[in-house]
Amino acid sequence: MAELNKKSVDDISVKGKRVLCRCDFNVPLKEGKITDENRLVAALPTIKKLISDGGKVILCSHLGKPKGEPKPELSLAPVAKRLSELLGQPVLFAKDDNVVGENAKKAVSEMKDGDVVLLENTRYRAEETKNGEAFSKDLASLADVFVDDAFGTAHRAHCSNVGVTEFINGPAVVGYLMEKEIRFLGQAVENPVRPFVAILGGAKVSDKLAVIDNLLEKCNTLIIGGGMAFTFVKAQGYEIGKSLVDDEKLQYCKDMLAKAKDKGCEILLPVDAVCASSFPDPIDDKNLPVKTVDINAIPADMLGLDIGPKTQELFANAVKNAKTVVWNGPMGVFENPVLAQGTIAVAKALAETDATTIIGGGDSAAAVNILGFGDKMTHISTGGGASLEFLEGKELPGVAAANNK
């Protein structure tokens, strides 16, 4: 597998060199304050390594979707401030609306070994998401070495993670976080220790088509929960009331159930569901009236919003003896305390197993962290879309762009 064969920060010498390091500082902000700094903390090992090796460390990242124009509320200034505190040394913020401007050039030219500079939001430049040559060259002109540690954008070919590698004169390698993501997700998909159980949830079947297809080739048991389960339930001939359904994908679900049988992969679907007469509004409505019914008895005027207690037990038992578990997507509307029980039960089952447990980013990562199980998982991916594409078996442009060993 080519993706595991990438040079990392351990394979290069950066002393006295200018190192452009692409991180994922796409953190949630509220009134200029960072509300979740997991991504900053995850970037620290690579940054500290580059500092201690005497590199001149130039950090860059995107934040939100400014769509090619400077938006003060999406500036990386608060990130520079918090990184200074986390690193215990100044992080100079180069405030240029065009990212690589006079401030950045001056700051970089004055750097000493071990100094850190942070550039402004890469998406202030419209070319960033289109992988435009001019911006890639600008970024490359600042540095001698490129390090990509942003797994969250690895599935996109942008200037700051792919384009820059074409114009930089020195090596292009991956950082520790990227290396860890490739190792855990790559190992799970390509060479898992068995039994290998995959758990998929979330709303729509259509988001996970290629993942289901690929995982049926690889895993021993595939558990399907969340809103997407109801299309499978309907494909088996049951009524699902007002539950979420992807009618165009009913035949696909039938094909997948047949494929699973053919491949000797067990598919587990919900056997009961927690239903309500409407989606909770507000989403965290603690007094939502709900009813738990068997999966073949969902009332016509209700919709399933979480897996029921029998399903929780079924799914928990399925992971007990697993050696590798990958989980992507919650089991229900976990933002609501009444509808979080299914997701909690699965998280608890994973926390109690001896298996290697890998959480595939996005909502499932948010759920295990919010519910307090984060430290019990072997690996929580920092990229939702990227980890999904990895589980589909796709090559990620951000990974492919790094030099092979």
Protein backbone atom coordinates (compact mmCIF):
# COMPACT_ATOMS: atom_id res chain seq x y z
CA MET A 1 0.00 0.00 0.00
CA ALA A 2 1.77 3.13 -1.27
CA GLU A 3 0.19 5.42 1.29
CA LEU A 4 2.09 3.87 4.21
CA ASN A 5 5.34 4.37 2.37
CA LYS A 6 5.68 8.13 2.91
CA LYS A 7 8.63 10.09 4.24
CA SER A 8 7.90 11.74 7.57
CA VAL A 9 9.48 14.46 9.71
CA ASP A 10 11.76 11.75 11.14
CA ASP A 11 13.34 11.18 7.72
CA ILE A 12 14.64 14.73 7.12
CA SER A 13 16.98 17.29 8.65
CA VAL A 14 15.48 20.77 9.08
CA LYS A 15 18.22 22.58 11.02
CA GLY A 16 18.52 26.15 9.76
CA LYS A 17 15.91 25.49 7.07
CA ARG A 18 12.59 27.26 6.48
CA VAL A 19 9.84 24.68 7.00
CA LEU A 20 6.31 25.31 5.75
CA CYS A 21 4.01 23.12 7.84
CA ARG A 22 0.36 22.71 6.77
CA CYS A 23 -1.72 22.07 9.90
CA ASP A 24 -5.43 21.72 10.50
CA PHE A 25 -6.35 24.70 12.66
CA ASN A 26 -9.95 24.70 11.44
CA VAL A 27 -11.27 25.15 14.99
CA PRO A 28 -14.69 26.36 16.14
CA LEU A 29 -14.69 30.02 17.23
CA LYS A 30 -17.28 31.90 19.26
CA GLU A 31 -16.81 35.66 19.59
CA GLY A 32 -13.11 35.28 18.79
CA LYS A 33 -12.57 32.52 21.38
CA ILE A 34 -11.63 28.94 20.46
CA THR A 35 -14.31 26.61 21.85
CA ASP A 36 -12.60 23.28 21.07
CA GLU A 37 -8.82 23.11 20.76
CA ASN A 38 -8.44 19.38 19.99
CA ARG A 39 -6.97 20.17 16.58
CA LEU A 40 -4.37 22.57 18.02
CA VAL A 41 -3.30 20.01 20.59
CA ALA A 42 -3.11 17.30 17.90
CA ALA A 43 -0.68 19.47 15.88
CA LEU A 44 1.75 20.09 18.76
CA PRO A 45 4.00 16.98 18.47
CA THR A 46 5.00 17.80 14.88
CA ILE A 47 5.48 21.52 15.59
CA LYS A 48 7.60 20.78 18.70
CA LYS A 49 9.72 18.30 16.74
CA LEU A 50 10.44 20.91 14.02
CA ILE A 51 11.30 23.56 16.66
CA SER A 52 13.61 21.26 18.61
CA ASP A 53 15.39 20.21 15.40
CA GLY A 54 16.19 23.89 14.74
CA GLY A 55 13.82 24.52 11.85
CA LYS A 56 12.33 27.93 11.08
CA VAL A 57 8.71 26.87 11.41
CA ILE A 58 6.12 28.58 9.18
CA LEU A 59 2.62 27.31 9.94
CA CYS A 60 -0.38 27.59 7.63
CA SER A 61 -3.99 26.44 7.72
CA HIS A 62 -7.48 27.28 6.53
CA LEU A 63 -10.32 28.24 8.87
CA GLY A 64 -13.98 28.03 7.87
CA LYS A 65 -15.14 29.08 4.42
CA PRO A 66 -14.20 32.70 3.70
CA LYS A 67 -14.55 31.86 -0.02
CA GLY A 68 -11.52 33.80 -1.24
CA GLU A 69 -12.01 37.04 0.65
CA PRO A 70 -10.63 38.31 3.97
CA LYS A 71 -13.23 37.94 6.73
CA PRO A 72 -12.02 39.27 10.10
CA GLU A 73 -14.11 36.73 12.02
CA LEU A 74 -12.22 33.91 10.25
CA SER A 75 -8.73 35.26 10.90
CA LEU A 76 -6.20 32.87 12.45
CA ALA A 77 -5.09 35.56 14.95
CA PRO A 78 -6.76 33.77 17.93
CA VAL A 79 -4.97 30.57 16.91
CA ALA A 80 -1.56 32.30 16.99
CA LYS A 81 -2.33 33.59 20.48
CA ARG A 82 -3.41 30.19 21.83
CA LEU A 83 -0.53 28.35 20.12
CA SER A 84 1.95 30.73 21.80
CA GLU A 85 0.51 29.63 25.16
CA LEU A 86 0.49 25.93 24.28
CA LEU A 87 4.07 25.99 22.93
CA GLY A 88 5.40 28.31 25.64
CA GLN A 89 7.06 30.55 23.06
CA PRO A 90 5.93 33.39 20.79
CA VAL A 91 4.08 32.52 17.57
CA LEU A 92 4.37 35.56 15.34
CA PHE A 93 1.19 36.15 13.33
CA ALA A 94 1.82 37.40 9.78
CA LYS A 95 -1.30 39.40 9.05
CA ASP A 96 -1.62 39.60 5.26
CA ASP A 97 -4.98 39.52 3.52
CA ASN A 98 -3.25 37.86 0.56
CA VAL A 99 -1.55 35.37 2.95
CA VAL A 100 1.94 35.66 1.44
CA GLY A 101 2.41 39.45 1.60
CA GLU A 102 4.91 41.95 2.99
CA ASN A 103 4.30 40.92 6.63
CA ALA A 104 4.86 37.24 5.92
CA LYS A 105 7.97 37.83 3.80
CA LYS A 106 9.50 40.16 6.40
CA ALA A 107 8.67 37.82 9.30
CA VAL A 108 10.20 34.83 7.53
CA SER A 109 13.35 36.72 6.50
CA GLU A 110 13.98 37.65 10.15
CA MET A 111 13.44 34.18 11.62
CA LYS A 112 16.04 32.43 13.75
CA ASP A 113 16.28 28.65 14.17
CA GLY A 114 13.36 27.43 16.32
CA ASP A 115 11.16 30.48 15.67
CA VAL A 116 7.50 30.06 14.71
CA VAL A 117 5.40 32.19 12.35
CA LEU A 118 1.73 31.61 11.49
CA LEU A 119 0.34 32.77 8.14
CA GLU A 120 -3.19 34.11 7.67
CA ASN A 121 -6.13 31.85 6.65
CA THR A 122 -5.12 30.17 3.35
CA ARG A 123 -8.71 30.39 2.09
CA TYR A 124 -8.51 34.20 2.05
CA ARG A 125 -7.04 33.45 -1.40
CA ALA A 126 -9.62 32.25 -3.92
CA GLU A 127 -7.01 30.07 -5.68
CA GLU A 128 -6.49 27.91 -2.57
CA THR A 129 -9.43 25.56 -3.16
CA LYS A 130 -8.86 25.54 -6.93
CA ASN A 131 -5.18 24.56 -6.54
CA GLY A 132 -4.13 27.67 -8.48
CA GLU A 133 -0.48 27.91 -9.52
CA ALA A 134 0.21 31.51 -8.40
CA PHE A 135 -0.68 30.85 -4.75
CA SER A 136 1.16 27.49 -4.72
CA LYS A 137 4.30 29.30 -5.94
CA ASP A 138 3.88 32.06 -3.33
CA LEU A 139 3.72 29.49 -0.54
CA ALA A 140 6.67 27.52 -1.93
CA SER A 141 8.77 30.71 -2.16
CA LEU A 142 8.73 31.02 1.66
CA ALA A 143 10.26 27.64 2.42
CA ASP A 144 12.91 24.99 1.77
CA VAL A 145 10.93 22.04 3.15
CA PHE A 146 7.20 21.18 3.24
CA VAL A 147 5.46 19.18 5.97
CA ASP A 148 1.79 18.19 5.64
CA ASP A 149 0.13 17.41 8.95
CA ALA A 150 -3.47 18.28 7.98
CA PHE A 151 -5.37 15.03 7.57
CA GLY A 152 -8.70 16.88 7.69
CA THR A 153 -8.07 18.30 4.19
CA ALA A 154 -6.09 15.37 2.78
CA HIS A 155 -9.00 14.37 0.53
CA ARG A 156 -8.86 17.75 -1.26
CA ALA A 157 -6.15 18.90 -3.70
CA HIS A 158 -5.53 22.51 -2.59
CA CYS A 159 -2.56 24.88 -2.96
CA SER A 160 -1.47 24.56 0.66
CA ASN A 161 -1.32 20.76 0.73
CA VAL A 162 -0.79 19.57 -2.87
CA GLY A 163 0.07 22.50 -5.20
CA VAL A 164 2.93 23.73 -3.03
CA THR A 165 4.72 20.36 -3.33
CA GLU A 166 5.20 20.93 -7.08
CA PHE A 167 7.18 24.14 -6.57
CA ILE A 168 9.15 23.61 -3.38
CA ASN A 169 12.80 22.73 -4.01
CA GLY A 170 13.25 20.53 -0.97
CA PRO A 171 11.50 17.46 0.44
CA ALA A 172 7.73 17.17 1.02
CA VAL A 173 6.92 14.88 3.95
CA VAL A 174 4.08 14.06 6.36
CA GLY A 175 3.89 15.06 10.03
CA TYR A 176 3.18 12.82 13.03
CA LEU A 177 -0.59 13.34 13.02
CA MET A 178 -0.86 12.50 9.33
CA GLU A 179 1.39 9.47 9.86
CA LYS A 180 -0.80 8.25 12.73
CA GLU A 181 -4.00 8.65 10.67
CA ILE A 182 -2.51 6.74 7.73
CA ARG A 183 -1.22 4.02 10.05
CA PHE A 184 -4.49 3.41 11.92
CA LEU A 185 -6.99 3.86 9.10
CA GLY A 186 -4.74 2.24 6.50
CA GLN A 187 -3.98 -0.74 8.72
CA ALA A 188 -7.66 -1.18 9.62
CA VAL A 189 -8.77 -1.23 6.01
CA GLU A 190 -5.87 -3.06 4.39
CA ASN A 191 -4.69 -5.49 7.02
CA PRO A 192 -6.97 -5.62 10.07
CA VAL A 193 -6.46 -7.94 13.01
CA ARG A 194 -9.60 -10.09 12.97
CA PRO A 195 -12.42 -10.32 13.87
CA PHE A 196 -12.90 -6.91 12.19
CA VAL A 197 -16.17 -5.10 12.93
CA ALA A 198 -17.23 -1.91 11.16
CA ILE A 199 -20.02 0.31 12.52
CA LEU A 200 -21.70 2.82 10.23
CA GLY A 201 -24.29 5.38 11.23
CA GLY A 202 -25.33 8.88 10.28
CA ALA A 203 -28.25 10.09 8.23
CA LYS A 204 -28.00 9.08 4.59
CA VAL A 205 -27.12 5.84 2.81
CA SER A 206 -25.97 7.87 -0.21
CA ASP A 207 -23.10 9.39 1.85
CA LYS A 208 -21.74 5.92 2.60
CA LEU A 209 -22.33 3.95 -0.63
CA ALA A 210 -18.69 3.36 -1.51
CA VAL A 211 -17.77 2.76 2.14
CA ILE A 212 -20.35 0.01 2.57
CA ASP A 213 -19.21 -1.56 -0.69
CA ASN A 214 -15.53 -1.51 0.31
CA LEU A 215 -16.07 -2.64 3.92
CA LEU A 216 -18.16 -5.65 2.87
CA GLU A 217 -15.01 -6.90 1.12
CA LYS A 218 -12.95 -6.46 4.29
CA CYS A 219 -14.89 -6.91 7.51
CA ASN A 220 -16.36 -9.88 9.37
CA THR A 221 -19.37 -7.95 10.70
CA LEU A 222 -20.91 -4.71 9.44
CA ILE A 223 -23.24 -2.93 11.87
CA ILE A 224 -25.60 -0.32 10.42
CA GLY A 225 -27.43 2.19 12.63
CA GLY A 226 -28.48 5.83 12.48
CA GLY A 227 -30.92 7.27 9.92
CA MET A 228 -29.31 5.28 7.12
CA ALA A 229 -30.49 1.99 8.67
CA PHE A 230 -34.13 2.67 7.78
CA THR A 231 -33.50 2.36 4.04
CA PHE A 232 -32.05 -1.11 4.72
CA VAL A 233 -35.02 -1.94 6.97
CA LYS A 234 -37.46 -0.86 4.23
CA ALA A 235 -35.44 -2.87 1.68
CA GLN A 236 -36.23 -5.95 3.81
CA GLY A 237 -39.93 -5.26 3.35
CA TYR A 238 -40.82 -3.54 6.64
CA GLU A 239 -42.85 -0.37 7.08
CA ILE A 240 -40.80 2.48 8.58
CA GLY A 241 -43.44 5.19 9.15
CA LYS A 242 -42.07 8.70 8.59
CA SER A 243 -38.45 7.60 9.17
CA LEU A 244 -35.70 8.93 6.95
CA VAL A 245 -35.49 6.91 3.74
CA ASP A 246 -33.48 7.04 0.54
CA ASP A 247 -36.02 5.44 -1.83
CA GLU A 248 -33.63 5.57 -4.78
CA LYS A 249 -31.21 3.38 -2.84
CA LEU A 250 -33.59 0.53 -1.92
CA GLN A 251 -32.25 -1.72 -4.69
CA TYR A 252 -28.68 -0.85 -3.65
CA CYS A 253 -29.48 -1.94 -0.08
CA LYS A 254 -30.95 -5.23 -1.37
CA ASP A 255 -27.80 -5.78 -3.45
CA MET A 256 -25.57 -5.09 -0.43
CA LEU A 257 -27.52 -7.53 1.76
CA ALA A 258 -27.05 -10.16 -0.96
CA LYS A 259 -23.36 -9.27 -1.38
CA ALA A 260 -22.80 -9.64 2.39
CA LYS A 261 -24.27 -13.15 2.28
CA ASP A 262 -22.06 -13.98 -0.67
CA LYS A 263 -18.90 -12.66 1.05
CA GLY A 264 -19.67 -14.27 4.40
CA CYS A 265 -19.90 -10.88 6.07
CA GLU A 266 -22.63 -10.53 8.70
CA ILE A 267 -24.76 -7.36 8.44
CA LEU A 268 -26.47 -6.34 11.67
CA LEU A 269 -29.45 -3.97 11.46
CA PRO A 270 -31.58 -2.48 14.24
CA VAL A 271 -34.24 -4.79 15.74
CA ASP A 272 -36.01 -1.98 17.61
CA ALA A 273 -36.13 1.82 17.43
CA VAL A 274 -36.89 4.86 19.58
CA CYS A 275 -39.57 6.84 17.72
CA ALA A 276 -41.17 10.28 17.98
CA SER A 277 -43.93 11.97 16.00
CA SER A 278 -41.50 14.64 14.71
CA PHE A 279 -37.81 15.57 14.66
CA PRO A 280 -36.88 17.37 17.92
CA ASP A 281 -37.11 21.16 17.66
CA PRO A 282 -35.06 22.57 19.30
CA ILE A 283 -32.70 19.65 18.71
CA ASP A 284 -31.88 19.31 22.44
CA ASP A 285 -35.55 19.29 23.60
CA LYS A 286 -35.28 17.24 26.82
CA ASN A 287 -39.04 16.60 27.03
CA LEU A 288 -39.46 14.98 23.62
CA PRO A 289 -42.21 12.31 23.90
CA VAL A 290 -40.81 9.03 22.53
CA LYS A 291 -41.92 5.44 22.16
CA THR A 292 -39.74 2.33 21.73
CA VAL A 293 -41.09 -0.25 19.28
CA ASP A 294 -39.87 -3.34 17.41
CA ILE A 295 -38.42 -2.50 14.00
CA ASN A 296 -41.38 -4.15 12.20
CA ALA A 297 -43.91 -2.12 14.21
CA ILE A 298 -43.01 1.54 13.60
CA PRO A 299 -46.31 3.48 13.64
CA ALA A 300 -47.24 5.19 10.36
CA ASP A 301 -47.24 8.66 11.96
CA MET A 302 -43.85 8.31 13.74
CA LEU A 303 -40.17 8.28 12.76
CA GLY A 304 -37.26 6.33 14.17
CA LEU A 305 -34.61 8.60 15.75
CA ASP A 306 -32.35 6.19 17.68
CA ILE A 307 -31.70 2.48 18.11
CA GLY A 308 -33.68 0.80 20.89
CA PRO A 309 -32.39 -1.18 23.93
CA LYS A 310 -32.50 -4.61 22.18
CA THR A 311 -30.41 -3.22 19.32
CA GLN A 312 -27.99 -1.60 21.77
CA GLU A 313 -27.41 -5.02 23.33
CA LEU A 314 -27.12 -6.73 19.92
CA PHE A 315 -24.52 -4.20 18.72
CA ALA A 316 -22.60 -4.22 22.03
CA ASN A 317 -22.34 -8.02 21.93
CA ALA A 318 -21.05 -7.90 18.37
CA VAL A 319 -18.01 -5.81 19.35
CA LYS A 320 -17.16 -7.78 22.52
CA ASN A 321 -14.83 -10.24 20.83
CA ALA A 322 -13.65 -8.00 18.01
CA LYS A 323 -9.95 -7.26 17.57
CA THR A 324 -10.42 -4.23 15.27
CA VAL A 325 -13.42 -1.88 15.27
CA VAL A 326 -13.94 1.12 12.98
CA TRP A 327 -16.88 3.41 13.76
CA ASN A 328 -18.19 6.21 11.54
CA GLY A 329 -21.50 7.96 12.24
CA PRO A 330 -23.78 8.16 15.30
CA MET A 331 -26.63 5.71 16.01
CA GLY A 332 -29.27 8.42 16.44
CA VAL A 333 -29.82 12.13 17.07
CA PHE A 334 -27.12 12.12 19.76
CA GLU A 335 -27.37 15.90 20.32
CA ASN A 336 -30.65 15.19 22.11
CA PRO A 337 -30.27 13.53 25.57
CA VAL A 338 -33.41 11.40 25.00
CA LEU A 339 -32.02 10.14 21.66
CA ALA A 340 -28.37 9.72 22.64
CA GLN A 341 -28.71 6.35 24.34
CA GLY A 342 -27.87 4.27 21.27
CA THR A 343 -24.71 6.24 20.53
CA ILE A 344 -23.72 6.10 24.23
CA ALA A 345 -24.25 2.32 24.30
CA VAL A 346 -21.99 1.79 21.28
CA ALA A 347 -19.33 4.17 22.66
CA LYS A 348 -19.46 2.34 26.01
CA ALA A 349 -19.13 -1.05 24.29
CA LEU A 350 -16.08 0.20 22.39
CA ALA A 351 -14.58 1.68 25.57
CA GLU A 352 -14.86 -1.73 27.26
CA THR A 353 -13.43 -3.90 24.48
CA ASP A 354 -9.74 -4.85 24.12
CA ALA A 355 -9.95 -4.23 20.38
CA THR A 356 -8.13 -1.51 18.48
CA THR A 357 -10.91 1.09 18.25
CA ILE A 358 -10.80 3.68 15.49
CA ILE A 359 -13.34 6.51 15.34
CA GLY A 360 -13.66 7.93 11.84
CA GLY A 361 -13.92 11.67 12.45
CA GLY A 362 -16.93 13.93 11.97
CA ASP A 363 -20.01 13.39 14.13
CA SER A 364 -18.78 10.14 15.69
CA ALA A 365 -15.62 11.88 16.89
CA ALA A 366 -17.72 14.74 18.29
CA ALA A 367 -20.05 12.22 19.95
CA VAL A 368 -17.36 10.18 21.75
CA ASN A 369 -15.68 13.38 22.95
CA ILE A 370 -18.92 15.05 24.11
CA LEU A 371 -20.09 11.85 25.81
CA GLY A 372 -16.74 11.50 27.62
CA PHE A 373 -15.37 8.33 25.99
CA GLY A 374 -12.62 10.01 23.94
CA ASP A 375 -9.69 8.85 26.06
CA LYS A 376 -10.90 5.22 25.88
CA MET A 377 -10.51 4.97 22.08
CA THR A 378 -7.28 3.86 20.39
CA HIS A 379 -7.53 6.51 17.69
CA ILE A 380 -9.99 9.30 16.92
CA SER A 381 -9.55 10.60 13.39
CA THR A 382 -9.30 14.36 12.92
CA GLY A 383 -10.87 14.22 9.45
CA GLY A 384 -14.48 13.33 8.70
CA GLY A 385 -14.51 13.46 4.90
CA ALA A 386 -10.90 12.30 4.65
CA SER A 387 -11.42 9.26 6.88
CA LEU A 388 -14.57 8.30 4.92
CA GLU A 389 -12.64 8.40 1.64
CA PHE A 390 -9.86 6.36 3.24
CA LEU A 391 -12.44 3.75 4.30
CA GLU A 392 -13.69 3.73 0.70
CA GLY A 393 -10.19 2.69 -0.32
CA LYS A 394 -9.46 5.90 -2.23
CA GLU A 395 -6.03 7.46 -2.51
CA LEU A 396 -6.02 10.86 -0.82
CA PRO A 397 -4.34 13.67 -2.83
CA GLY A 398 -2.80 15.24 0.30
CA VAL A 399 -1.13 11.95 1.18
CA ALA A 400 -0.15 11.06 -2.38
CA ALA A 401 1.68 14.42 -2.74
CA ALA A 402 4.27 13.56 -0.05
CA ASN A 403 7.57 11.98 -1.08
CA ASN A 404 7.82 8.18 -0.94
CA LYS A 405 10.51 6.63 1.22
